[in-house]
Amino acid sequence: MSSKPFMTRKTILSAIAGMLIGLTASGASHAATYAYVSNADSQDISVFSLNPSTGALDAVQTVAVGGTAMPMALSPDHHHLYAGLRSKPYRVVSFAINPLDGHLIQLGTAPLAESMAYLSTDATGRYLFSASYGGNLLAVNPIGANGVAGDVQQTIPTGPMAHAIRNAPDNRYVFASVLGSDTWLRLKFDASNGHLTPDAAPAYALPEKSGPRHFVFSADHRFTYLIDELDGKLHTLAFDATRDTVKPIQTISILPDNFKGDKPWGADLHLTPDGRFLYASERTSSTLATYRVNQATGKLTRIGTYPTEKQPRGFNIDPSGNYLLAVGQLSTQMRAYRIDRKTGALRAIGEYPVGKNPNWVEIVQFDGSN
């Protein structure tokens, strides 16, 4: 199965350029923020515009994708969105983002190696990484100059239940969490050809049955934060950017004080753009845990937990750091929160309808120059 381009990059950019020229000629400037929500069971992506002053959201588009839409990833320049479909045939859909209205324009599709739980790109935007929970593997697809992901070029077997894959800030290495083997892997990355070479030993071995899931790097590249799915824990790792190695410095709970579930079920985590606060979602209690980050030591201090949509698999923070948008797999609503920039506290400010089984949120901001 080969990739299927629908529109050339030249055609898309020409159309958008024409609109931008018209906007410039009218003397207007354009800055906008858009949110994208993948809905697995309704097989579509909900598109919203976000008001930067109030946090209010307006629905602007619903895009059918013809499959179980789950993980998404933005290109580094934020002009493209990639959506992974976890129903057969497994594939990735490549979209161009119109900066004027946030609309998605489908450019093409390409096969994925398996049902993928996670997508990300390298720092150059030339390669798409993916991790397969069911297929126990990692994979690489090239991305063309037209922004369209191509056919699978490499697969790498892992232990059971690979869950997330992201490049290190320097793009020399790629890291991947493997839930079933309680490991965090390091792989050498050759940006000239997209090839991954795994280390013989994990970069970090976690306690048995912890179930490492998603992870993020701090903006200053000094720390990594890794959430577990199975034991209700969140780990702070000191990251050596010169050697791309880590050492543990803290483990903290993501569970509310009154947790009464049979077992924890950690999901996602995100830092505010200024690095001062971190948020994590827990699906059994349907809560968001909030932490203050000591930017000197990397350590976290618990602020509190906040109720959110039922079974919150995915959420995200807008580039301004003022708003958090969360979805729950057992809810058909997205909840918007205002973030207190001084304390990190969350205040719910609205709910908005989305599709069935919403599970992933991406947010992009255009300032008129990009």
Protein backbone atom coordinates (compact mmCIF):
# COMPACT_ATOMS: atom_id res chain seq x y z
CA MET A 1 0.00 0.00 0.00
CA SER A 2 1.52 3.29 -1.04
CA SER A 3 0.88 6.82 0.16
CA LYS A 4 -1.95 8.66 -1.57
CA PRO A 5 -1.49 12.40 -2.11
CA PHE A 6 -4.70 14.34 -2.67
CA MET A 7 -3.43 17.87 -3.27
CA THR A 8 0.06 19.16 -3.93
CA ARG A 9 1.78 21.42 -1.42
CA LYS A 10 2.07 24.00 -4.20
CA THR A 11 -1.68 23.99 -4.74
CA ILE A 12 -2.43 24.32 -1.03
CA LEU A 13 0.14 27.03 -0.39
CA SER A 14 -0.94 28.97 -3.46
CA ALA A 15 -4.51 29.04 -2.22
CA ILE A 16 -3.51 30.08 1.28
CA ALA A 17 -1.05 32.66 -0.06
CA GLY A 18 -3.83 34.21 -2.10
CA MET A 19 -5.97 34.60 1.00
CA LEU A 20 -3.05 36.05 2.96
CA ILE A 21 -2.35 38.58 0.20
CA GLY A 22 -5.98 39.67 0.28
CA LEU A 23 -5.87 39.98 4.06
CA THR A 24 -2.66 42.04 3.94
CA ALA A 25 -4.05 44.28 1.22
CA SER A 26 -7.03 45.06 3.42
CA GLY A 27 -4.67 46.31 6.13
CA ALA A 28 -5.69 43.59 8.60
CA SER A 29 -3.36 41.48 10.71
CA HIS A 30 -4.17 37.93 11.67
CA ALA A 31 -3.41 36.05 14.86
CA ALA A 32 -5.41 33.01 15.87
CA THR A 33 -5.43 29.86 18.01
CA TYR A 34 -7.05 26.59 16.93
CA ALA A 35 -7.75 23.34 18.78
CA TYR A 36 -8.09 19.89 17.22
CA VAL A 37 -9.79 16.93 18.93
CA SER A 38 -9.65 13.38 17.54
CA ASN A 39 -12.82 11.34 18.13
CA ALA A 40 -12.24 7.60 17.82
CA ASP A 41 -15.79 6.25 17.60
CA SER A 42 -17.29 8.97 15.42
CA GLN A 43 -14.17 8.70 13.22
CA ASP A 44 -13.59 12.42 12.87
CA ILE A 45 -11.66 15.45 14.09
CA SER A 46 -13.39 18.43 15.73
CA VAL A 47 -11.86 21.82 14.93
CA PHE A 48 -12.32 24.89 17.16
CA SER A 49 -11.08 28.45 17.25
CA LEU A 50 -10.04 29.68 20.69
CA ASN A 51 -10.56 33.27 21.81
CA PRO A 52 -7.24 34.31 23.42
CA SER A 53 -8.93 36.90 25.65
CA THR A 54 -11.78 34.83 27.08
CA GLY A 55 -10.90 31.20 26.38
CA ALA A 56 -14.23 30.72 24.61
CA LEU A 57 -14.29 28.18 21.79
CA ASP A 58 -16.19 28.25 18.51
CA ALA A 59 -16.69 25.13 16.40
CA VAL A 60 -15.39 25.71 12.88
CA GLN A 61 -15.19 22.27 11.24
CA THR A 62 -15.73 18.54 11.68
CA VAL A 63 -13.47 16.44 9.46
CA ALA A 64 -14.36 12.81 8.70
CA VAL A 65 -11.30 10.58 8.53
CA GLY A 66 -12.85 7.19 7.75
CA GLY A 67 -11.29 5.32 10.65
CA THR A 68 -10.67 5.21 14.39
CA ALA A 69 -8.97 8.56 14.93
CA MET A 70 -6.69 8.61 17.95
CA PRO A 71 -3.10 9.92 18.17
CA MET A 72 -2.25 13.20 16.43
CA ALA A 73 0.94 15.17 15.96
CA LEU A 74 1.79 18.65 14.72
CA SER A 75 4.71 19.41 12.43
CA PRO A 76 7.40 21.58 14.08
CA ASP A 77 6.28 24.61 12.04
CA HIS A 78 2.62 23.89 12.94
CA HIS A 79 1.51 23.99 9.30
CA HIS A 80 0.65 20.29 9.18
CA LEU A 81 -1.32 17.87 11.36
CA TYR A 82 -0.94 14.08 11.27
CA ALA A 83 -3.73 11.80 12.52
CA GLY A 84 -3.25 8.10 13.19
CA LEU A 85 -6.13 5.69 12.50
CA ARG A 86 -6.26 2.60 14.70
CA SER A 87 -8.80 0.65 12.65
CA LYS A 88 -7.75 -1.43 9.65
CA PRO A 89 -6.20 -0.52 7.31
CA TYR A 90 -3.89 1.24 9.77
CA ARG A 91 -2.82 4.55 8.27
CA VAL A 92 -1.84 8.14 8.89
CA VAL A 93 -3.74 11.05 7.37
CA SER A 94 -1.72 14.17 6.54
CA PHE A 95 -3.43 17.57 6.69
CA ALA A 96 -2.41 21.13 5.90
CA ILE A 97 -3.66 23.70 8.43
CA ASN A 98 -5.14 26.91 7.02
CA PRO A 99 -3.80 29.65 9.36
CA LEU A 100 -6.68 31.97 8.45
CA ASP A 101 -9.51 29.83 9.79
CA GLY A 102 -7.97 26.64 11.21
CA HIS A 103 -9.59 24.41 8.60
CA LEU A 104 -7.86 21.12 7.84
CA ILE A 105 -7.11 20.32 4.19
CA GLN A 106 -6.41 16.64 3.57
CA LEU A 107 -3.22 16.12 1.59
CA GLY A 108 -2.85 12.35 1.58
CA THR A 109 -2.73 9.07 3.47
CA ALA A 110 -0.02 6.48 4.04
CA PRO A 111 0.14 3.10 5.77
CA LEU A 112 1.24 2.72 9.37
CA ALA A 113 3.09 -0.41 10.45
CA GLU A 114 0.43 -1.33 13.03
CA SER A 115 -2.26 0.20 15.24
CA MET A 116 -0.32 3.12 16.70
CA ALA A 117 -0.96 4.58 20.15
CA TYR A 118 1.35 7.58 19.63
CA LEU A 119 2.67 9.80 16.85
CA SER A 120 5.37 12.49 16.87
CA THR A 121 7.80 14.07 14.43
CA ASP A 122 11.52 14.65 14.67
CA ALA A 123 12.77 18.22 15.14
CA THR A 124 13.19 18.76 11.40
CA GLY A 125 9.67 17.64 10.52
CA ARG A 126 11.08 15.19 7.94
CA TYR A 127 10.21 11.98 9.82
CA LEU A 128 7.15 10.65 11.62
CA PHE A 129 7.69 8.36 14.60
CA SER A 130 5.03 5.98 15.93
CA ALA A 131 4.64 3.51 18.81
CA SER A 132 2.36 0.47 18.72
CA TYR A 133 0.77 -0.79 21.94
CA GLY A 134 -0.71 -3.88 20.28
CA GLY A 135 2.07 -4.53 17.79
CA ASN A 136 4.96 -4.16 20.29
CA LEU A 137 7.01 -2.03 17.95
CA LEU A 138 8.24 1.41 16.93
CA ALA A 139 8.22 2.70 13.36
CA VAL A 140 9.44 5.52 11.13
CA ASN A 141 7.68 7.05 8.12
CA PRO A 142 9.38 9.74 6.02
CA ILE A 143 7.60 13.06 5.50
CA GLY A 144 7.96 14.66 2.08
CA ALA A 145 8.66 18.29 1.27
CA ASN A 146 4.92 18.55 0.57
CA GLY A 147 4.17 17.71 4.21
CA VAL A 148 2.70 14.29 3.39
CA ALA A 149 3.81 11.23 5.36
CA GLY A 150 5.07 8.41 3.14
CA ASP A 151 5.35 4.64 3.43
CA VAL A 152 6.88 2.93 6.46
CA GLN A 153 10.68 2.83 6.13
CA GLN A 154 11.67 1.11 9.40
CA THR A 155 10.16 -0.95 12.21
CA ILE A 156 11.82 -1.88 15.48
CA PRO A 157 10.48 -4.58 17.81
CA THR A 158 10.14 -3.69 21.49
CA GLY A 159 8.90 -5.35 24.63
CA PRO A 160 5.13 -5.59 25.07
CA MET A 161 2.94 -2.49 24.71
CA ALA A 162 5.12 0.31 23.34
CA HIS A 163 3.23 3.47 24.20
CA ALA A 164 5.00 6.73 23.33
CA ILE A 165 7.94 7.93 21.25
CA ARG A 166 9.55 11.38 21.13
CA ASN A 167 12.85 12.87 20.02
CA ALA A 168 15.25 14.36 22.54
CA PRO A 169 15.54 18.16 22.26
CA ASP A 170 18.86 17.89 20.37
CA ASN A 171 17.34 15.42 17.84
CA ARG A 172 20.34 13.07 18.25
CA TYR A 173 18.35 10.47 20.13
CA VAL A 174 14.76 9.28 20.35
CA PHE A 175 13.16 7.90 23.51
CA ALA A 176 10.25 5.48 23.83
CA SER A 177 8.22 4.17 26.76
CA VAL A 178 7.28 0.48 26.79
CA LEU A 179 4.45 -0.11 29.22
CA GLY A 180 4.54 -3.91 29.42
CA SER A 181 8.25 -4.20 30.09
CA ASP A 182 8.48 -1.17 32.42
CA THR A 183 11.26 0.40 30.37
CA TRP A 184 12.15 3.73 28.79
CA LEU A 185 14.25 3.10 25.70
CA ARG A 186 16.91 5.23 24.01
CA LEU A 187 17.54 4.99 20.27
CA LYS A 188 20.25 6.75 18.25
CA PHE A 189 18.64 8.86 15.50
CA ASP A 190 20.29 9.68 12.19
CA ALA A 191 18.47 12.79 10.95
CA SER A 192 20.07 12.44 7.50
CA ASN A 193 18.09 9.29 6.70
CA GLY A 194 15.62 8.82 9.56
CA HIS A 195 17.20 5.60 10.81
CA LEU A 196 16.85 4.53 14.45
CA THR A 197 19.37 2.31 16.26
CA PRO A 198 18.26 1.09 19.72
CA ASP A 199 20.67 0.90 22.64
CA ALA A 200 21.27 -2.56 24.03
CA ALA A 201 20.02 -1.52 27.48
CA PRO A 202 17.10 0.75 28.45
CA ALA A 203 17.81 4.36 29.30
CA TYR A 204 15.77 3.87 32.46
CA ALA A 205 14.19 0.81 34.06
CA LEU A 206 11.07 1.42 36.14
CA PRO A 207 9.60 -0.64 39.00
CA GLU A 208 7.76 -3.79 37.97
CA LYS A 209 4.15 -3.21 36.85
CA SER A 210 4.47 0.56 36.89
CA GLY A 211 3.54 0.82 33.21
CA PRO A 212 5.40 3.88 31.82
CA ARG A 213 3.21 5.77 29.37
CA HIS A 214 3.68 9.40 28.18
CA PHE A 215 6.63 11.72 28.85
CA VAL A 216 7.70 15.32 28.22
CA PHE A 217 10.96 17.26 28.30
CA SER A 218 11.26 20.57 30.12
CA ALA A 219 11.76 23.64 27.93
CA ASP A 220 15.29 24.12 29.27
CA HIS A 221 16.08 20.44 28.47
CA ARG A 222 17.22 19.72 32.03
CA PHE A 223 14.39 17.42 33.11
CA THR A 224 12.07 14.72 31.83
CA TYR A 225 8.67 13.92 33.33
CA LEU A 226 7.23 10.43 32.84
CA ILE A 227 3.75 9.28 33.85
CA ASP A 228 2.88 5.66 34.67
CA GLU A 229 -0.38 4.08 33.64
CA LEU A 230 -0.64 1.31 36.24
CA ASP A 231 0.62 2.53 39.63
CA GLY A 232 -0.59 6.14 39.86
CA LYS A 233 2.94 7.58 39.82
CA LEU A 234 4.76 10.39 38.04
CA HIS A 235 8.55 10.45 37.78
CA THR A 236 10.96 13.38 37.57
CA LEU A 237 14.20 12.50 35.82
CA ALA A 238 17.28 14.73 35.57
CA PHE A 239 18.20 14.86 31.89
CA ASP A 240 21.84 15.23 30.85
CA ALA A 241 21.54 17.03 27.51
CA THR A 242 25.21 16.48 26.64
CA ARG A 243 24.94 12.68 26.96
CA ASP A 244 21.16 12.23 26.51
CA THR A 245 20.99 10.21 29.73
CA VAL A 246 18.76 10.44 32.80
CA LYS A 247 18.76 9.72 36.50
CA PRO A 248 15.69 9.65 38.79
CA ILE A 249 15.26 12.43 41.35
CA GLN A 250 11.58 12.19 42.41
CA THR A 251 8.44 10.03 42.25
CA ILE A 252 5.07 11.57 43.16
CA SER A 253 1.43 10.43 43.13
CA ILE A 254 -1.13 11.54 40.52
CA LEU A 255 -4.06 10.22 42.58
CA PRO A 256 -6.53 12.41 44.48
CA ASP A 257 -6.44 12.10 48.26
CA ASN A 258 -9.83 10.37 48.31
CA PHE A 259 -9.04 7.90 45.52
CA LYS A 260 -11.43 4.94 45.74
CA GLY A 261 -10.93 3.10 42.45
CA ASP A 262 -9.81 -0.49 42.09
CA LYS A 263 -6.64 0.56 40.30
CA PRO A 264 -4.95 3.71 39.03
CA TRP A 265 -5.12 4.53 35.33
CA GLY A 266 -2.71 7.32 34.43
CA ALA A 267 -2.91 8.80 30.95
CA ASP A 268 -1.38 12.10 29.83
CA LEU A 269 0.79 14.97 31.07
CA HIS A 270 1.74 18.46 29.87
CA LEU A 271 3.85 21.38 31.04
CA THR A 272 2.84 25.01 30.67
CA PRO A 273 4.99 26.78 28.05
CA ASP A 274 6.83 28.74 30.77
CA GLY A 275 7.65 25.46 32.56
CA ARG A 276 6.22 26.60 35.90
CA PHE A 277 3.34 24.10 36.17
CA LEU A 278 2.69 20.50 35.18
CA TYR A 279 -0.67 18.73 34.79
CA ALA A 280 -1.46 15.00 34.63
CA SER A 281 -4.69 13.11 33.89
CA GLU A 282 -5.96 10.07 35.78
CA ARG A 283 -8.82 8.11 34.19
CA THR A 284 -10.21 6.05 37.10
CA SER A 285 -11.02 9.16 39.16
CA SER A 286 -11.52 11.42 36.10
CA THR A 287 -9.24 14.08 37.54
CA LEU A 288 -6.40 16.40 36.57
CA ALA A 289 -3.50 16.59 39.03
CA THR A 290 -1.69 19.93 39.23
CA TYR A 291 1.92 20.57 40.29
CA ARG A 292 4.24 23.51 40.75
CA VAL A 293 7.66 22.94 39.16
CA ASN A 294 10.83 24.01 40.95
CA GLN A 295 12.72 25.10 37.87
CA ALA A 296 16.07 24.93 39.66
CA THR A 297 15.71 21.32 40.85
CA GLY A 298 12.96 20.02 38.57
CA LYS A 299 11.03 18.68 41.55
CA LEU A 300 7.23 18.89 41.73
CA THR A 301 5.00 20.14 44.53
CA ARG A 302 1.38 19.04 44.49
CA ILE A 303 -1.14 21.89 44.19
CA GLY A 304 -4.33 19.85 44.00
CA THR A 305 -6.62 17.78 41.80
CA TYR A 306 -9.57 18.94 39.71
CA PRO A 307 -12.55 16.97 38.37
CA THR A 308 -12.77 16.76 34.59
CA GLU A 309 -14.54 14.88 31.79
CA LYS A 310 -15.08 11.17 32.38
CA GLN A 311 -12.04 9.01 31.60
CA PRO A 312 -9.64 11.78 30.48
CA ARG A 313 -7.23 10.13 28.06
CA GLY A 314 -6.05 13.38 26.48
CA PHE A 315 -5.73 17.10 27.17
CA ASN A 316 -3.46 19.96 26.18
CA ILE A 317 -2.40 23.52 27.06
CA ASP A 318 -2.57 26.39 24.60
CA PRO A 319 0.70 28.14 23.59
CA SER A 320 -0.12 31.21 25.69
CA GLY A 321 -0.24 29.06 28.84
CA ASN A 322 -3.61 30.56 29.81
CA TYR A 323 -5.95 27.70 28.93
CA LEU A 324 -6.18 23.94 29.33
CA LEU A 325 -8.57 21.84 27.20
CA ALA A 326 -9.49 18.32 28.37
CA VAL A 327 -11.58 15.53 26.85
CA GLY A 328 -12.86 12.27 28.31
CA GLN A 329 -13.38 9.04 26.39
CA LEU A 330 -16.74 8.46 28.10
CA SER A 331 -17.91 12.02 27.53
CA THR A 332 -18.90 13.86 24.38
CA GLN A 333 -17.84 17.22 25.83
CA MET A 334 -14.55 19.08 25.96
CA ARG A 335 -13.99 21.11 29.11
CA ALA A 336 -12.04 24.37 29.00
CA TYR A 337 -10.15 25.74 32.01
CA ARG A 338 -8.40 29.02 32.70
CA ILE A 339 -4.97 28.52 34.28
CA ASP A 340 -4.05 30.90 37.08
CA ARG A 341 -0.60 32.01 35.92
CA LYS A 342 0.50 32.72 39.51
CA THR A 343 -0.73 29.60 41.29
CA GLY A 344 -1.38 27.02 38.56
CA ALA A 345 -4.95 26.51 39.79
CA LEU A 346 -7.59 25.54 37.23
CA ARG A 347 -10.98 27.21 36.83
CA ALA A 348 -13.53 25.59 34.53
CA ILE A 349 -14.90 28.17 32.08
CA GLY A 350 -16.93 26.16 29.58
CA GLU A 351 -17.91 22.88 27.95
CA TYR A 352 -18.18 22.21 24.24
CA PRO A 353 -19.61 19.27 22.27
CA VAL A 354 -17.17 17.00 20.44
CA GLY A 355 -17.50 13.55 18.86
CA LYS A 356 -17.68 10.07 20.38
CA ASN A 357 -14.69 8.76 22.34
CA PRO A 358 -12.61 11.95 22.19
CA ASN A 359 -9.06 11.11 23.21
CA TRP A 360 -6.45 13.53 21.88
CA VAL A 361 -6.07 17.33 21.78
CA GLU A 362 -3.61 19.42 19.77
CA ILE A 363 -3.52 23.24 19.89
CA VAL A 364 -1.74 25.58 17.48
CA GLN A 365 -1.26 29.33 17.50
CA PHE A 366 -0.54 31.59 14.51
CA ASP A 367 0.70 35.08 15.25
CA GLY A 368 0.46 36.54 11.76
CA SER A 369 4.10 35.88 10.91
CA ASN A 370 4.02 32.09 10.55
